[in-house]
């Protein structure tokens, strides 16, 4: 008996997610955040394709800056996967093309299940059943997209008009339709149109052949990238690094515009599970559990006279009184108060923040910044000084480095630190401290079994993160 071919999940995980600011930011976007429940949407996506009797290990296409986030959450999910690093964003078309070339190298007829890492699906069993129902059509050469049965006349999604029945639950696509106005969306709902979820099921060779016909430059770049991909080993982690020049030759284009809206092989299967791309605070509210007043809350929150609102707080206790249909999101360094349905305006606001030197960091980073070795968080800052809280994972260490403009004091508050200063190694225990002179080569390591926590006090004329020279780095950063 021939061995059953496993479906190869391709998870796209390189987006910025600015429409969920201030929770989602450039350096830590929404797909890695636990917005609903304890797991991130990336972890939920991994869980949906975890059955190794159906699915192969996933190919994850992400950005250089997210590689350790992806690796960390893969490890937390207890699964393996190929981590492919884009040197720049080129939209979904080129990313999928590279993944298809990599899968086709092992099996040209490999069936790919293309998923966005930041989408939410509420029923993993129904999702797997939908994928199984579309498999025969995909194996026969159809490019199958997952259409979502609309729950309301949404204007924020593209739509699909299903055509003739092809196989089981699969129909040919009669038309892809751009985001409609309210009146048109209501008509679409009555006429059986489906939301375009942007998730796909197709054979690698069929997709690549269609792509070569419609977008030969994208197809050629993907082939060049796949033949020159370099494996970067960082400790026990393995990353597949895309050549920058080869990838830059590809036009930036979504898979919908590149292939799906032009091919005569497009098919659609109606999914019978709740789905959201979590593209706004309104969408997150719609998918969240709510109280009897229609409020969805997360964190330290108190409400009075408030209805149909989303309120979340990471740190400070947040009270909302007498409001309706709002989103209130409090993080450690920013607070958003807006109409719950705000989307386009929020994207503009984030762009304005990024355009100013005074607020650029708020657009791109949280106060707590994740690093492959742990994290640091700014606690206080003034003229010529800054205080940080640093956490180092067990077994991890920072780079061997020096600074030209600042000295540092480290006070250990939990665990035991191994500290190297100008080639001299010291053990620093709880309630002990060490001084790092300006210009000294130094390194911090946690050789213990529990997280190392310390307070760092920086002093000097310039305290920017770019005042750093690395000599040795386990994570191969510049």
Protein backbone atom coordinates (compact mmCIF):
# COMPACT_ATOMS: atom_id res chain seq x y z
CA UNK A 1 0.00 0.00 0.00
CA UNK A 2 1.36 3.42 -0.96
CA UNK A 3 2.19 5.69 1.91
CA UNK A 4 -0.30 8.53 2.34
CA UNK A 5 1.15 11.90 1.33
CA UNK A 6 1.16 14.37 4.22
CA UNK A 7 -0.14 17.92 3.74
CA UNK A 8 2.67 20.47 4.14
CA UNK A 9 1.54 23.50 6.19
CA UNK A 10 3.05 26.82 5.11
CA UNK A 11 2.63 29.44 7.85
CA UNK A 12 3.16 33.07 6.89
CA UNK A 13 4.37 34.92 9.96
CA UNK A 14 6.06 38.14 8.90
CA UNK A 15 3.40 40.86 9.29
CA UNK A 16 3.54 43.88 11.59
CA UNK A 17 -0.11 44.04 12.76
CA UNK A 18 -0.25 47.79 13.46
CA UNK A 19 -4.06 47.80 13.49
CA UNK A 20 -3.92 46.31 16.99
CA UNK A 21 -1.59 48.97 18.39
CA UNK A 22 -0.58 49.48 21.20
CA UNK A 23 -0.65 45.74 21.99
CA UNK A 24 0.82 44.79 18.61
CA UNK A 25 3.96 46.59 17.46
CA UNK A 26 6.61 46.18 14.79
CA UNK A 27 9.06 44.34 17.06
CA UNK A 28 6.40 42.11 18.67
CA UNK A 29 3.38 41.82 16.35
CA UNK A 30 -0.04 40.35 16.99
CA UNK A 31 0.67 36.80 15.78
CA UNK A 32 2.99 36.25 18.74
CA UNK A 33 0.69 37.78 21.39
CA UNK A 34 -1.78 35.86 23.60
CA UNK A 35 -4.71 38.09 22.63
CA UNK A 36 -7.37 35.46 23.35
CA UNK A 37 -6.48 32.79 25.89
CA UNK A 38 -3.00 31.70 26.92
CA UNK A 39 -1.58 30.97 23.47
CA UNK A 40 -0.69 33.29 20.63
CA UNK A 41 -2.44 32.94 17.27
CA UNK A 42 0.83 31.54 15.88
CA UNK A 43 0.79 28.85 18.57
CA UNK A 44 -2.90 28.19 17.83
CA UNK A 45 -2.05 27.82 14.14
CA UNK A 46 0.68 25.31 15.00
CA UNK A 47 -1.81 23.38 17.14
CA UNK A 48 -4.27 23.14 14.22
CA UNK A 49 -1.68 21.34 12.10
CA UNK A 50 -0.09 19.27 14.87
CA UNK A 51 -1.51 15.87 13.82
CA UNK A 52 1.47 14.21 12.13
CA UNK A 53 -0.73 11.52 10.59
CA UNK A 54 -2.23 14.29 8.41
CA UNK A 55 0.29 17.15 8.38
CA UNK A 56 4.05 17.27 7.82
CA UNK A 57 6.29 19.60 9.83
CA UNK A 58 5.39 23.15 8.80
CA UNK A 59 7.41 25.58 6.69
CA UNK A 60 7.32 28.92 8.48
CA UNK A 61 8.18 32.02 6.47
CA UNK A 62 9.02 34.95 8.70
CA UNK A 63 11.31 37.96 9.04
CA UNK A 64 14.84 38.13 10.37
CA UNK A 65 13.70 40.09 13.43
CA UNK A 66 11.15 37.42 14.40
CA UNK A 67 13.34 34.33 14.05
CA UNK A 68 13.89 33.78 17.77
CA UNK A 69 10.23 34.50 18.59
CA UNK A 70 9.22 31.83 16.08
CA UNK A 71 11.80 29.37 17.42
CA UNK A 72 10.73 30.01 21.02
CA UNK A 73 7.05 29.48 20.32
CA UNK A 74 7.75 26.42 18.18
CA UNK A 75 9.64 24.96 21.15
CA UNK A 76 6.82 25.90 23.52
CA UNK A 77 4.35 24.15 21.21
CA UNK A 78 6.54 21.04 21.26
CA UNK A 79 6.83 20.80 17.49
CA UNK A 80 9.46 21.08 14.77
CA UNK A 81 9.39 23.21 11.64
CA UNK A 82 11.53 24.78 8.93
CA UNK A 83 12.08 28.47 9.69
CA UNK A 84 12.67 30.39 6.45
CA UNK A 85 13.84 33.99 6.83
CA UNK A 86 12.79 36.71 4.42
CA UNK A 87 15.40 39.49 4.14
CA UNK A 88 12.61 41.97 3.31
CA UNK A 89 8.84 41.99 2.95
CA UNK A 90 7.54 41.15 -0.52
CA UNK A 91 3.89 40.33 0.37
CA UNK A 92 2.38 36.85 0.30
CA UNK A 93 3.00 35.90 -3.35
CA UNK A 94 6.81 35.64 -3.21
CA UNK A 95 6.74 34.13 0.29
CA UNK A 96 4.41 31.33 -0.80
CA UNK A 97 6.42 30.82 -3.99
CA UNK A 98 9.63 30.21 -2.01
CA UNK A 99 7.86 27.74 0.28
CA UNK A 100 6.39 25.96 -2.74
CA UNK A 101 9.84 25.62 -4.32
CA UNK A 102 11.27 24.19 -1.09
CA UNK A 103 8.42 21.68 -0.77
CA UNK A 104 8.59 20.77 -4.46
CA UNK A 105 12.29 19.94 -4.14
CA UNK A 106 11.29 16.96 -2.00
CA UNK A 107 7.98 16.19 -3.75
CA UNK A 108 6.74 18.21 -6.75
CA UNK A 109 3.15 17.11 -6.07
CA UNK A 110 3.30 18.04 -2.38
CA UNK A 111 0.02 19.58 -1.24
CA UNK A 112 0.54 22.86 0.61
CA UNK A 113 -1.84 24.27 3.20
CA UNK A 114 -1.08 28.00 3.28
CA UNK A 115 -2.09 29.73 6.52
CA UNK A 116 -1.67 33.16 8.03
CA UNK A 117 -0.17 33.05 11.52
CA UNK A 118 -2.36 35.89 12.80
CA UNK A 119 -5.79 34.42 11.99
CA UNK A 120 -8.08 32.91 14.60
CA UNK A 121 -10.05 29.70 14.06
CA UNK A 122 -12.35 28.58 16.87
CA UNK A 123 -12.82 24.91 15.96
CA UNK A 124 -9.66 22.98 15.13
CA UNK A 125 -11.63 19.81 14.34
CA UNK A 126 -13.85 21.57 11.81
CA UNK A 127 -10.76 23.18 10.30
CA UNK A 128 -9.07 19.78 9.82
CA UNK A 129 -12.28 18.38 8.32
CA UNK A 130 -12.43 21.29 5.86
CA UNK A 131 -8.83 20.69 4.80
CA UNK A 132 -9.56 16.98 4.34
CA UNK A 133 -12.69 17.77 2.28
CA UNK A 134 -10.66 19.97 -0.06
CA UNK A 135 -7.73 17.58 -0.46
CA UNK A 136 -9.02 15.57 -3.43
CA UNK A 137 -9.69 18.73 -5.44
CA UNK A 138 -6.24 20.08 -4.61
CA UNK A 139 -4.58 16.80 -5.60
CA UNK A 140 -6.51 16.96 -8.88
CA UNK A 141 -4.99 20.37 -9.65
CA UNK A 142 -7.37 22.92 -8.18
CA UNK A 143 -6.09 25.94 -6.24
CA UNK A 144 -8.50 25.74 -3.33
CA UNK A 145 -9.21 28.73 -1.11
CA UNK A 146 -11.12 28.52 2.16
CA UNK A 147 -14.25 30.66 2.05
CA UNK A 148 -15.94 31.64 5.30
CA UNK A 149 -19.72 31.70 5.55
CA UNK A 150 -20.41 35.32 6.62
CA UNK A 151 -21.97 35.96 10.01
CA UNK A 152 -22.78 39.58 9.11
CA UNK A 153 -22.44 41.95 6.13
CA UNK A 154 -18.82 42.93 6.75
CA UNK A 155 -17.20 45.62 4.64
CA UNK A 156 -13.63 44.84 5.72
CA UNK A 157 -13.23 41.54 3.84
CA UNK A 158 -12.97 40.56 0.20
CA UNK A 159 -15.67 38.17 -1.01
CA UNK A 160 -15.89 35.09 -3.22
CA UNK A 161 -18.85 34.17 -5.43
CA UNK A 162 -18.98 30.36 -5.60
CA UNK A 163 -19.63 28.78 -8.99
CA UNK A 164 -20.30 25.26 -10.23
CA UNK A 165 -19.89 22.26 -7.96
CA UNK A 166 -16.55 20.58 -8.55
CA UNK A 167 -16.07 17.86 -5.94
CA UNK A 168 -17.94 17.21 -2.69
CA UNK A 169 -17.94 20.54 -0.87
CA UNK A 170 -15.62 22.22 -3.38
CA UNK A 171 -16.95 24.66 -6.01
CA UNK A 172 -15.17 26.55 -8.73
CA UNK A 173 -14.69 30.26 -8.03
CA UNK A 174 -17.04 32.33 -10.19
CA UNK A 175 -15.51 35.65 -9.06
CA UNK A 176 -13.34 37.32 -6.46
CA UNK A 177 -14.85 40.62 -5.30
CA UNK A 178 -13.10 43.51 -3.54
CA UNK A 179 -14.29 44.88 -0.19
CA UNK A 180 -17.88 46.12 -0.69
CA UNK A 181 -19.90 48.98 0.79
CA UNK A 182 -22.65 48.27 3.36
CA UNK A 183 -25.45 47.85 0.83
CA UNK A 184 -23.43 45.53 -1.39
CA UNK A 185 -22.22 43.47 1.57
CA UNK A 186 -25.84 42.94 2.65
CA UNK A 187 -26.71 41.73 -0.85
CA UNK A 188 -23.67 39.43 -0.90
CA UNK A 189 -24.83 37.86 2.35
CA UNK A 190 -28.26 37.11 0.87
CA UNK A 191 -26.78 35.72 -2.35
CA UNK A 192 -24.46 33.18 -0.69
CA UNK A 193 -21.11 34.89 -1.19
CA UNK A 194 -18.24 33.85 1.10
CA UNK A 195 -15.54 35.84 2.86
CA UNK A 196 -12.09 35.35 1.37
CA UNK A 197 -10.02 34.06 4.29
CA UNK A 198 -6.69 34.08 2.48
CA UNK A 199 -5.98 30.43 3.40
CA UNK A 200 -5.24 28.00 0.57
CA UNK A 201 -4.76 24.34 -0.34
CA UNK A 202 -2.95 23.39 -3.55
CA UNK A 203 -0.19 21.31 -5.10
CA UNK A 204 3.22 22.95 -5.17
CA UNK A 205 3.85 22.16 -8.85
CA UNK A 206 0.42 23.44 -9.98
CA UNK A 207 0.82 26.70 -8.09
CA UNK A 208 4.34 27.26 -9.42
CA UNK A 209 3.22 26.58 -12.99
CA UNK A 210 0.37 29.09 -12.70
CA UNK A 211 2.69 31.62 -11.08
CA UNK A 212 5.24 31.24 -13.89
CA UNK A 213 2.52 32.03 -16.42
CA UNK A 214 1.17 35.11 -14.66
CA UNK A 215 4.20 36.44 -12.77
CA UNK A 216 7.40 35.04 -14.29
CA UNK A 217 9.61 37.44 -12.31
CA UNK A 218 8.22 36.17 -8.99
CA UNK A 219 8.56 32.56 -10.12
CA UNK A 220 12.15 33.08 -11.31
CA UNK A 221 13.14 34.79 -8.07
CA UNK A 222 11.62 31.98 -5.99
CA UNK A 223 13.51 29.35 -7.98
CA UNK A 224 16.76 31.29 -7.57
CA UNK A 225 16.14 31.71 -3.85
CA UNK A 226 15.39 28.01 -3.29
CA UNK A 227 18.58 26.96 -5.08
CA UNK A 228 20.79 29.30 -3.03
CA UNK A 229 19.17 29.13 0.41
CA UNK A 230 21.71 28.98 3.23
CA UNK A 231 21.28 27.14 6.52
CA UNK A 232 22.31 29.24 9.51
CA UNK A 233 22.96 27.17 12.62
CA UNK A 234 22.65 29.12 15.88
CA UNK A 235 23.29 26.78 18.79
CA UNK A 236 20.65 24.06 18.47
CA UNK A 237 18.46 26.28 16.23
CA UNK A 238 18.46 26.07 12.45
CA UNK A 239 17.31 28.90 10.17
CA UNK A 240 17.10 28.88 6.37
CA UNK A 241 18.24 32.26 5.15
CA UNK A 242 17.00 33.66 1.82
CA UNK A 243 19.53 35.46 -0.35
CA UNK A 244 18.78 39.18 -0.25
CA UNK A 245 19.66 40.03 -3.85
CA UNK A 246 17.75 37.08 -5.31
CA UNK A 247 14.65 37.89 -3.26
CA UNK A 248 14.87 41.62 -4.01
CA UNK A 249 14.47 40.77 -7.71
CA UNK A 250 10.92 39.62 -7.00
CA UNK A 251 8.04 42.10 -7.36
CA UNK A 252 5.99 42.58 -4.19
CA UNK A 253 2.52 41.21 -4.79
CA UNK A 254 -0.15 39.33 -2.85
CA UNK A 255 -0.98 35.78 -3.88
CA UNK A 256 -4.52 36.93 -4.71
CA UNK A 257 -3.33 39.48 -7.26
CA UNK A 258 -0.47 37.31 -8.51
CA UNK A 259 -2.41 34.10 -9.11
CA UNK A 260 -5.78 33.48 -7.48
CA UNK A 261 -7.76 36.23 -9.21
CA UNK A 262 -6.28 35.34 -12.62
CA UNK A 263 -6.22 31.55 -12.75
CA UNK A 264 -9.01 29.33 -14.09
CA UNK A 265 -8.05 26.70 -11.50
CA UNK A 266 -9.38 28.65 -8.49
CA UNK A 267 -11.83 26.74 -6.33
CA UNK A 268 -13.45 27.40 -2.96
CA UNK A 269 -14.62 25.28 -0.08
CA UNK A 270 -17.06 26.78 2.39
CA UNK A 271 -15.66 26.45 5.91
CA UNK A 272 -18.11 25.86 8.72
CA UNK A 273 -16.07 27.29 11.59
CA UNK A 274 -15.83 30.79 13.05
CA UNK A 275 -12.86 32.68 11.68
CA UNK A 276 -11.30 36.13 11.97
CA UNK A 277 -8.18 37.82 10.67
CA UNK A 278 -8.16 39.90 13.89
CA UNK A 279 -7.62 42.97 11.76
CA UNK A 280 -9.06 45.45 14.25
CA UNK A 281 -10.05 45.81 17.87
CA UNK A 282 -13.64 45.38 16.69
CA UNK A 283 -12.75 41.98 15.20
CA UNK A 284 -11.02 40.93 18.41
CA UNK A 285 -14.06 42.01 20.44
CA UNK A 286 -16.32 39.98 18.14
CA UNK A 287 -14.31 36.78 18.78
CA UNK A 288 -13.82 37.25 22.54
CA UNK A 289 -15.99 35.96 25.36
CA UNK A 290 -18.26 38.70 26.69
CA UNK A 291 -20.18 39.49 29.85
CA UNK A 292 -23.92 40.15 30.00
CA UNK A 293 -23.36 43.77 28.94
CA UNK A 294 -21.45 42.70 25.85
CA UNK A 295 -18.03 43.67 27.23
CA UNK A 296 -14.84 41.70 26.59
CA UNK A 297 -12.16 42.31 29.21
CA UNK A 298 -8.59 41.19 29.73
CA UNK A 299 -6.27 41.94 32.64
CA UNK A 300 -6.81 44.32 35.56
CA UNK A 301 -10.08 46.01 34.57
CA UNK A 302 -13.12 47.50 36.34
CA UNK A 303 -16.26 48.56 34.47
CA UNK A 304 -19.37 50.55 35.39
CA UNK A 305 -22.17 51.52 33.04
CA UNK A 306 -20.14 50.30 30.06
CA UNK A 307 -21.53 48.26 27.19
CA UNK A 308 -20.29 46.42 24.09
CA UNK A 309 -16.68 47.41 24.68
CA UNK A 310 -13.24 45.80 24.61
CA UNK A 311 -11.06 46.75 27.59
CA UNK A 312 -7.60 45.31 28.23
CA UNK A 313 -4.78 46.25 30.57
CA UNK A 314 -1.28 44.80 30.77
CA UNK A 315 -0.21 46.55 33.94
CA UNK A 316 -2.12 49.39 35.62
CA UNK A 317 -5.66 48.83 36.82
CA UNK A 318 -7.93 50.38 34.20
CA UNK A 319 -11.44 51.63 35.00
CA UNK A 320 -14.01 52.53 32.33
CA UNK A 321 -17.28 54.24 33.22
CA UNK A 322 -20.29 55.11 31.08
CA UNK A 323 -18.89 54.27 27.64
CA UNK A 324 -20.26 52.16 24.81
CA UNK A 325 -18.74 50.57 21.71
CA UNK A 326 -15.18 51.55 22.62
CA UNK A 327 -11.78 49.89 22.72
CA UNK A 328 -9.61 50.80 25.70
CA UNK A 329 -6.17 49.18 25.64
CA UNK A 330 -3.60 50.05 28.31
CA UNK A 331 -0.01 48.85 28.06
CA UNK A 332 2.94 49.85 30.23
CA UNK A 333 3.83 52.81 28.04
CA UNK A 334 0.75 53.68 25.95
CA UNK A 335 -3.04 53.84 26.22
CA UNK A 336 -5.54 53.70 23.36
CA UNK A 337 -9.11 54.97 23.75
CA UNK A 338 -11.06 54.76 20.50
CA UNK A 339 -14.25 53.72 18.79
CA UNK A 340 -14.24 49.97 18.79
CA UNK A 341 -14.50 49.93 15.01
CA UNK A 342 -11.42 52.11 14.46
CA UNK A 343 -9.05 50.59 11.90
CA UNK A 344 -7.79 52.87 9.14
CA UNK A 345 -7.39 55.81 11.50
CA UNK A 346 -5.27 53.70 13.84
CA UNK A 347 -2.94 52.75 11.00
CA UNK A 348 -2.52 56.47 10.25
CA UNK A 349 -1.86 57.25 13.92
CA UNK A 350 0.90 54.62 14.10
CA UNK A 351 2.47 56.04 10.93
CA UNK A 352 2.45 59.50 12.56
CA UNK A 353 4.10 58.09 15.69
CA UNK A 354 6.79 56.45 13.57
CA UNK A 355 7.45 59.71 11.72
CA UNK A 356 8.53 61.54 14.89
CA UNK A 357 11.82 60.97 16.71
CA UNK A 358 10.05 61.53 20.03
CA UNK A 359 7.47 58.76 19.51
CA UNK A 360 9.08 56.34 17.04
CA UNK A 361 9.88 53.82 19.75
CA UNK A 362 6.20 53.72 20.80
CA UNK A 363 5.24 52.65 17.28
CA UNK A 364 7.82 49.89 17.03
CA UNK A 365 8.70 48.56 20.49
CA UNK A 366 7.11 47.84 23.83
CA UNK A 367 8.76 49.00 27.01
CA UNK A 368 9.64 45.36 27.59
CA UNK A 369 11.91 44.27 24.73
CA UNK A 370 12.38 40.57 23.99
CA UNK A 371 15.80 39.22 23.11
CA UNK A 372 16.85 35.63 22.25
CA UNK A 373 18.57 35.40 25.65
CA UNK A 374 15.60 36.85 27.61
CA UNK A 375 14.31 40.41 27.93
CA UNK A 376 14.97 43.90 29.23
CA UNK A 377 12.55 46.56 30.39
CA UNK A 378 13.12 50.24 31.03
CA UNK A 379 12.10 51.14 34.58
CA UNK A 380 13.24 54.77 34.84
CA UNK A 381 15.21 57.25 32.79
CA UNK A 382 16.58 60.73 33.32
CA UNK A 383 19.44 62.95 32.26
CA UNK A 384 22.59 60.78 32.03
CA UNK A 385 21.02 57.68 33.64
CA UNK A 386 18.69 54.79 32.85
CA UNK A 387 17.41 51.91 34.99
CA UNK A 388 16.47 48.56 33.42
CA UNK A 389 15.15 45.23 34.64
CA UNK A 390 16.94 42.39 32.85
CA UNK A 391 15.88 38.72 32.74
CA UNK A 392 18.21 36.06 31.33
CA UNK A 393 16.92 32.58 30.52
CA UNK A 394 18.57 29.53 32.11
CA UNK A 395 21.58 28.50 30.05
CA UNK A 396 21.62 31.72 28.03
CA UNK A 397 24.21 34.47 27.82
CA UNK A 398 24.53 37.89 26.26
CA UNK A 399 27.17 38.83 23.72
CA UNK A 400 30.70 39.83 24.69
CA UNK A 401 30.39 43.59 24.26
CA UNK A 402 31.51 47.05 25.23
CA UNK A 403 30.07 50.59 25.25
CA UNK A 404 31.76 53.87 24.39
CA UNK A 405 29.45 56.22 26.26
CA UNK A 406 28.15 54.49 29.37
CA UNK A 407 29.14 52.55 32.45
CA UNK A 408 26.81 50.02 34.10
CA UNK A 409 26.03 48.70 37.58
CA UNK A 410 24.34 45.29 37.86
CA UNK A 411 22.47 44.23 41.03
CA UNK A 412 21.30 40.60 41.06
CA UNK A 413 17.84 40.16 42.61
CA UNK A 414 17.16 36.54 41.63
CA UNK A 415 19.41 33.66 40.57
CA UNK A 416 23.18 33.68 40.07
CA UNK A 417 25.05 35.59 37.38
CA UNK A 418 28.32 34.66 35.74
CA UNK A 419 29.94 37.96 34.76
CA UNK A 420 33.03 38.48 32.63
CA UNK A 421 34.74 41.90 32.78
CA UNK A 422 37.91 42.38 30.74
CA UNK A 423 38.66 38.62 30.77
CA UNK A 424 38.08 38.29 34.54
CA UNK A 425 35.13 36.05 35.49
CA UNK A 426 33.05 36.66 38.63
CA UNK A 427 30.09 34.88 40.23
CA UNK A 428 27.49 37.38 41.42
CA UNK A 429 24.72 36.08 43.68
CA UNK A 430 21.44 37.53 44.91
CA UNK A 431 21.81 40.94 46.60
CA UNK A 432 25.34 41.30 45.25
CA UNK A 433 26.45 43.74 42.55
CA UNK A 434 29.15 44.33 39.98
CA UNK A 435 30.42 47.45 38.20
CA UNK A 436 31.13 47.55 34.45
CA UNK A 437 33.43 50.48 33.61
CA UNK A 438 32.96 52.49 30.44
CA UNK A 439 34.80 50.77 27.56
CA UNK A 440 35.28 47.44 29.35
CA UNK A 441 34.63 44.22 27.46
CA UNK A 442 31.95 42.38 29.42
CA UNK A 443 29.50 39.51 29.26
CA UNK A 444 26.57 38.30 31.35
CA UNK A 445 25.52 34.63 31.55
CA UNK A 446 23.02 32.52 33.45
CA UNK A 447 24.49 29.09 34.07
CA UNK A 448 21.78 28.22 36.59
CA UNK A 449 18.45 26.39 36.36
CA UNK A 450 16.14 29.34 37.08
CA UNK A 451 15.75 32.72 35.33
CA UNK A 452 18.35 35.31 36.30
CA UNK A 453 16.89 38.70 37.19
CA UNK A 454 18.92 41.82 37.79
CA UNK A 455 18.62 45.60 37.89
CA UNK A 456 20.93 47.50 35.57
CA UNK A 457 21.77 51.15 36.20
CA UNK A 458 23.36 52.86 33.21
CA UNK A 459 25.14 56.20 33.51
CA UNK A 460 26.78 58.27 30.81
CA UNK A 461 26.36 60.89 28.15
CA UNK A 462 24.58 58.65 25.61
CA UNK A 463 22.30 55.72 26.52
CA UNK A 464 21.00 54.56 23.13
CA UNK A 465 20.80 50.87 22.28
CA UNK A 466 23.11 51.42 19.33
CA UNK A 467 26.06 52.19 21.64
CA UNK A 468 27.24 48.62 21.54
CA UNK A 469 30.16 46.79 19.94
CA UNK A 470 29.93 42.99 19.92
CA UNK A 471 32.98 40.75 19.79
CA UNK A 472 31.31 37.35 20.25
CA UNK A 473 27.61 36.54 20.05
CA UNK A 474 25.87 33.18 20.35
CA UNK A 475 22.99 34.50 18.25
CA UNK A 476 25.11 35.86 15.36
CA UNK A 477 23.75 39.40 15.59
CA UNK A 478 25.67 42.28 14.08
